[in-house]
Amino acid sequence: MDELRGVYADKLYGGHFRFGQYPQDADGGIKPILWRVLRREPRSLLAISELGLDSRPYNEEPGEAVWAGCSLRRWLNGVFFATAFNELERALIVSECVCNNAGPATKDRVFLLSSDEAEDLLVSDGRRRARATEYAVKQGVRLGSYCSCWWWLRSRGRANDYAGVVISVGDVSDYRYIGDGSVAVRPAVRLAL
């Protein structure tokens, strides 16, 4: 486990490392996931996937944008967590208490950034801009300016059935319908040091 922890233990803000794996090629070829360090603390570091990894709606059912009950949260902490990480990797992912602007706080191993976190941890439009994998594009992610994708945030948007997103130019927006399947998923994790 120490050898695996060594992959990311010395990384500082903005640094990159590979951890876990997920389909990334257009044909579904599996490759290691590239992560970017957002914050380093004495016992852990917070990281986000460098690329949009998949295309999924925030919630598959009509209703309110509440992170605690959305289908994307279930998928990230269920299917994604189980398939993207092996047993040793899963043991290094810390359960995070996630505060939300709608609904209760949650405990998650994999989550999305909030709108505030996206602005505070990725301090410019350029840092928030993200490309999508070929796999994500094939799954339905729509590309925009700079060949970048829109990606989900966990925060509720301006209406009950809208959620926050980062748009392709890098701005944080609170205006995306939760059923939109063309928005990318950029998971975030906290890893033990």
Protein backbone atom coordinates (compact mmCIF):
# COMPACT_ATOMS: atom_id res chain seq x y z
CA MET A 1 0.00 0.00 0.00
CA ASP A 2 2.91 2.36 0.70
CA GLU A 3 4.12 1.84 -2.86
CA LEU A 4 0.71 2.82 -4.20
CA ARG A 5 0.53 5.82 -1.87
CA GLY A 6 3.94 6.84 -3.23
CA VAL A 7 2.30 7.57 -6.60
CA TYR A 8 0.68 10.71 -5.19
CA ALA A 9 2.16 11.35 -1.72
CA ASP A 10 4.69 13.97 -2.87
CA LYS A 11 2.33 15.89 -5.17
CA LEU A 12 1.50 19.53 -4.48
CA TYR A 13 -1.30 21.82 -5.71
CA GLY A 14 -1.68 21.49 -9.47
CA GLY A 15 0.44 18.34 -9.62
CA HIS A 16 -0.72 15.29 -11.56
CA PHE A 17 -0.67 11.57 -10.88
CA ARG A 18 -2.30 8.40 -12.21
CA PHE A 19 -4.58 6.38 -9.95
CA GLY A 20 -7.32 3.91 -10.84
CA GLN A 21 -8.43 3.18 -14.38
CA TYR A 22 -11.44 3.81 -16.60
CA PRO A 23 -12.40 3.53 -20.28
CA GLN A 24 -10.91 6.48 -22.15
CA ASP A 25 -10.44 5.51 -25.81
CA ALA A 26 -13.30 5.70 -28.31
CA ASP A 27 -13.36 1.89 -28.42
CA GLY A 28 -13.64 1.68 -24.61
CA GLY A 29 -9.94 0.96 -24.04
CA ILE A 30 -9.14 1.23 -20.34
CA LYS A 31 -6.32 3.53 -19.22
CA PRO A 32 -5.10 4.93 -15.89
CA ILE A 33 -7.04 7.99 -14.68
CA LEU A 34 -5.06 11.23 -14.56
CA TRP A 35 -5.80 13.31 -11.43
CA ARG A 36 -4.96 16.92 -10.52
CA VAL A 37 -4.22 17.88 -6.91
CA LEU A 38 -6.57 20.61 -5.66
CA ARG A 39 -5.56 20.80 -2.01
CA ARG A 40 -2.95 19.14 0.14
CA GLU A 41 -3.51 18.76 3.88
CA PRO A 42 -1.37 17.09 6.54
CA ARG A 43 -3.10 13.69 6.28
CA SER A 44 -4.80 13.76 2.86
CA LEU A 45 -5.01 15.38 -0.52
CA LEU A 46 -8.03 16.35 -2.58
CA ALA A 47 -7.89 15.60 -6.31
CA ILE A 48 -10.15 15.84 -9.36
CA SER A 49 -9.93 13.89 -12.59
CA GLU A 50 -8.08 15.95 -15.19
CA LEU A 51 -10.51 14.90 -17.92
CA GLY A 52 -14.25 14.46 -18.19
CA LEU A 53 -14.51 10.67 -17.88
CA ASP A 54 -18.10 9.90 -18.80
CA SER A 55 -21.41 11.40 -19.87
CA ARG A 56 -24.25 11.06 -17.39
CA PRO A 57 -27.23 13.14 -16.27
CA TYR A 58 -27.12 14.62 -12.77
CA ASN A 59 -30.35 12.78 -12.08
CA GLU A 60 -32.13 10.26 -14.29
CA GLU A 61 -35.54 11.05 -12.79
CA PRO A 62 -37.25 14.46 -12.99
CA GLY A 63 -37.26 16.29 -9.68
CA GLU A 64 -35.09 18.50 -7.58
CA ALA A 65 -31.33 18.89 -7.83
CA VAL A 66 -30.41 17.43 -4.44
CA TRP A 67 -26.98 15.80 -4.31
CA ALA A 68 -27.97 13.40 -1.51
CA GLY A 69 -30.59 11.67 -3.66
CA CYS A 70 -29.34 12.05 -7.22
CA SER A 71 -28.51 9.12 -9.51
CA LEU A 72 -25.06 10.53 -10.34
CA ARG A 73 -24.04 10.36 -6.67
CA ARG A 74 -25.25 6.74 -6.47
CA TRP A 75 -23.35 5.84 -9.64
CA LEU A 76 -20.10 7.51 -8.52
CA ASN A 77 -20.11 5.78 -5.12
CA GLY A 78 -21.39 2.48 -6.52
CA VAL A 79 -20.49 1.38 -10.04
CA PHE A 80 -17.70 3.90 -10.64
CA PHE A 81 -16.03 3.35 -7.25
CA ALA A 82 -16.15 -0.43 -7.64
CA THR A 83 -14.88 -0.56 -11.22
CA ALA A 84 -12.41 2.35 -11.45
CA PHE A 85 -10.40 1.36 -8.37
CA ASN A 86 -8.96 -1.93 -7.20
CA GLU A 87 -9.15 -3.09 -3.59
CA LEU A 88 -5.89 -1.41 -2.53
CA GLU A 89 -6.87 1.86 -4.21
CA ARG A 90 -10.32 1.83 -2.62
CA ALA A 91 -8.66 1.45 0.81
CA LEU A 92 -6.77 4.73 0.25
CA ILE A 93 -9.86 6.77 -0.66
CA VAL A 94 -11.12 8.62 2.41
CA SER A 95 -14.84 9.05 3.09
CA GLU A 96 -15.48 12.79 2.83
CA CYS A 97 -18.19 14.81 4.60
CA VAL A 98 -19.70 16.80 1.75
CA CYS A 99 -21.75 19.94 2.48
CA ASN A 100 -24.43 20.85 -0.03
CA ASN A 101 -26.44 23.98 -0.81
CA ALA A 102 -29.62 21.87 -1.07
CA GLY A 103 -30.44 18.84 1.04
CA PRO A 104 -28.40 17.26 3.81
CA ALA A 105 -24.64 16.84 4.05
CA THR A 106 -23.44 13.47 2.79
CA LYS A 107 -20.51 11.10 3.36
CA ASP A 108 -19.00 10.18 0.01
CA ARG A 109 -15.88 8.50 -1.25
CA VAL A 110 -16.37 9.92 -4.73
CA PHE A 111 -18.14 13.23 -5.28
CA LEU A 112 -18.38 16.32 -7.46
CA LEU A 113 -17.06 19.73 -6.53
CA SER A 114 -19.56 22.35 -5.39
CA SER A 115 -19.85 25.64 -7.27
CA ASP A 116 -17.89 27.41 -4.52
CA GLU A 117 -15.16 24.75 -4.54
CA ALA A 118 -14.81 24.99 -8.33
CA GLU A 119 -14.24 28.74 -8.03
CA ASP A 120 -12.00 28.58 -4.94
CA LEU A 121 -9.85 25.57 -5.87
CA LEU A 122 -9.62 26.19 -9.62
CA VAL A 123 -8.98 29.91 -9.49
CA SER A 124 -9.32 30.84 -13.17
CA ASP A 125 -11.43 29.96 -16.18
CA GLY A 126 -8.38 28.32 -17.75
CA ARG A 127 -7.89 26.03 -14.76
CA ARG A 128 -11.58 25.08 -14.77
CA ARG A 129 -11.65 24.24 -18.48
CA ALA A 130 -11.54 20.51 -19.11
CA ARG A 131 -11.30 18.22 -22.07
CA ALA A 132 -13.24 14.98 -22.26
CA THR A 133 -11.93 11.53 -23.04
CA GLU A 134 -12.80 10.01 -26.41
CA TYR A 135 -14.94 7.53 -24.49
CA ALA A 136 -16.93 10.33 -22.81
CA VAL A 137 -17.53 12.01 -26.16
CA LYS A 138 -18.73 8.72 -27.63
CA GLN A 139 -21.08 8.38 -24.62
CA GLY A 140 -22.62 11.78 -25.42
CA VAL A 141 -20.46 14.57 -23.97
CA ARG A 142 -20.83 17.65 -26.13
CA LEU A 143 -17.71 19.73 -26.77
CA GLY A 144 -17.79 23.52 -26.90
CA SER A 145 -15.27 26.35 -26.95
CA TYR A 146 -11.59 25.41 -26.71
CA CYS A 147 -12.63 21.78 -27.51
CA SER A 148 -13.60 21.68 -23.83
CA CYS A 149 -16.63 20.10 -22.23
CA TRP A 150 -19.24 21.20 -19.73
CA TRP A 151 -18.92 19.30 -16.43
CA TRP A 152 -21.25 18.81 -13.49
CA LEU A 153 -21.00 20.38 -10.04
CA ARG A 154 -23.01 19.00 -7.12
CA SER A 155 -24.63 22.34 -6.21
CA ARG A 156 -28.25 23.10 -6.96
CA GLY A 157 -28.67 25.71 -9.68
CA ARG A 158 -30.97 28.69 -10.05
CA ALA A 159 -34.10 26.52 -10.26
CA ASN A 160 -34.99 23.38 -8.29
CA ASP A 161 -34.37 21.09 -11.26
CA TYR A 162 -31.10 22.72 -12.37
CA ALA A 163 -27.61 21.96 -11.13
CA GLY A 164 -24.34 23.81 -11.31
CA VAL A 165 -21.87 23.20 -14.11
CA VAL A 166 -18.60 24.52 -15.41
CA ILE A 167 -19.19 25.51 -19.03
CA SER A 168 -16.68 24.93 -21.80
CA VAL A 169 -15.05 28.37 -21.49
CA GLY A 170 -14.43 27.74 -17.78
CA ASP A 171 -17.14 29.86 -16.17
CA VAL A 172 -19.19 28.43 -13.31
CA SER A 173 -22.90 28.44 -14.17
CA ASP A 174 -25.99 27.55 -12.16
CA TYR A 175 -28.14 26.78 -15.16
CA ARG A 176 -28.21 23.18 -16.44
CA TYR A 177 -31.21 20.88 -16.38
CA ILE A 178 -30.48 17.78 -14.26
CA GLY A 179 -31.59 15.37 -16.99
CA ASP A 180 -29.03 16.59 -19.54
CA GLY A 181 -26.92 13.61 -20.58
CA SER A 182 -24.37 15.64 -22.57
CA VAL A 183 -22.50 16.97 -19.52
CA ALA A 184 -19.22 15.34 -18.44
CA VAL A 185 -18.40 13.82 -15.07
CA ARG A 186 -15.16 14.86 -13.35
CA PRO A 187 -15.03 12.88 -10.10
CA ALA A 188 -13.23 14.19 -7.05
CA VAL A 189 -11.65 12.04 -4.30
CA ARG A 190 -9.74 12.54 -1.07
CA LEU A 191 -6.75 10.24 -0.66
CA ALA A 192 -5.01 9.32 2.59
CA LEU A 193 -1.36 10.30 2.96
